């Protein structure tokens, strides 16, 4: 009972408050934009050559306001917004009218999750191991060379790394496709040819993410490991004659992994928002590219749906890591 009152309940309340405040900010921010989605839709229909008389236009405006959740006062719109959110419906997309926002996100989400989750985990594993080993052998020449390379790669923005990889491996050495998730005309299936085609298209965006991600995890665990190495239990293990491999993995890296685990949970929670740049560079049909187009075209129903899902994903990741953290750190106890 003390666990529920002292630990579980406060964190669940915090989780609910984060989602409540975050989604409210999204609602307010989208209403402050100068774009009128109703007028935009009418202009788009008019540009296609359709003639609408004034009475029809007014009726159409009322229908669109109801569909877009823009009918009534701001407080009424806010109530409609939460009603749609709780039922999993964000209304139709403005630029893909009348396609529902949930369908667009559902179609794009698997590509983003597949690309970013795998690349994030690969970068986390490689960066954590390299950082721990490099700090243990910090006086070796190869570690100094590796650290110098990491220091060059780490500050590089994702889009610069993506463009660099794209130029080298798609133009100078055309080994991989330039853009997309699979070849034009290829049918989605579980066949070996389709899986191979998807892997070839995903390699360059994943490779650019892994290169930059390794630098992030490398520097983070290296800074923590520098303090762990000075601990008495590490010195005792070295004095006792244990093999370097055992000291590195069982004493240094293992005890330096706690911040890495927290960082991984947050990184996985930020998949939806972190995909924007790399998916735009490679025209990868995920949620990031969908969000970019929604912002560029003023489709704030779609942008709001993606942003709200990002807030929920990040808050859920933090909640999960809070609840399971004592499994990784026996010093933490529920009070």
Foldseek 3Di string as FASTA:
>chain_A
DCLVVQPVVVLVVVLVVLLVVQLVVLLVVLVPDPDDLLVVLVVVVVVVPDDDDPVRSVVSSVVVCVQQLNPDDSVSSVVVCVVCVVVVFLGAWSVPPPHTLSVLQVVFAVLLLVLQVVLLVLLLVLLLLLLLVCLVPVVDPVSVVVLVVLVVLQVDDLLVLLVVLLCVDCPVNNPADQAEQFDPPDDDDPDPVGVVRNCRLSVSLSVSSSSNSSSVNNVQLNVQLNVQCPDPVLVVCVVVPDDPVCSSPVRRSLVSCLVSLLVSLQSSLQSLVVCQSSCVSRVYRHNNVVLVVCVVVSRSSNVSSSSSSSSSSNSVSNSVCSVCVCVSPVVDDRD
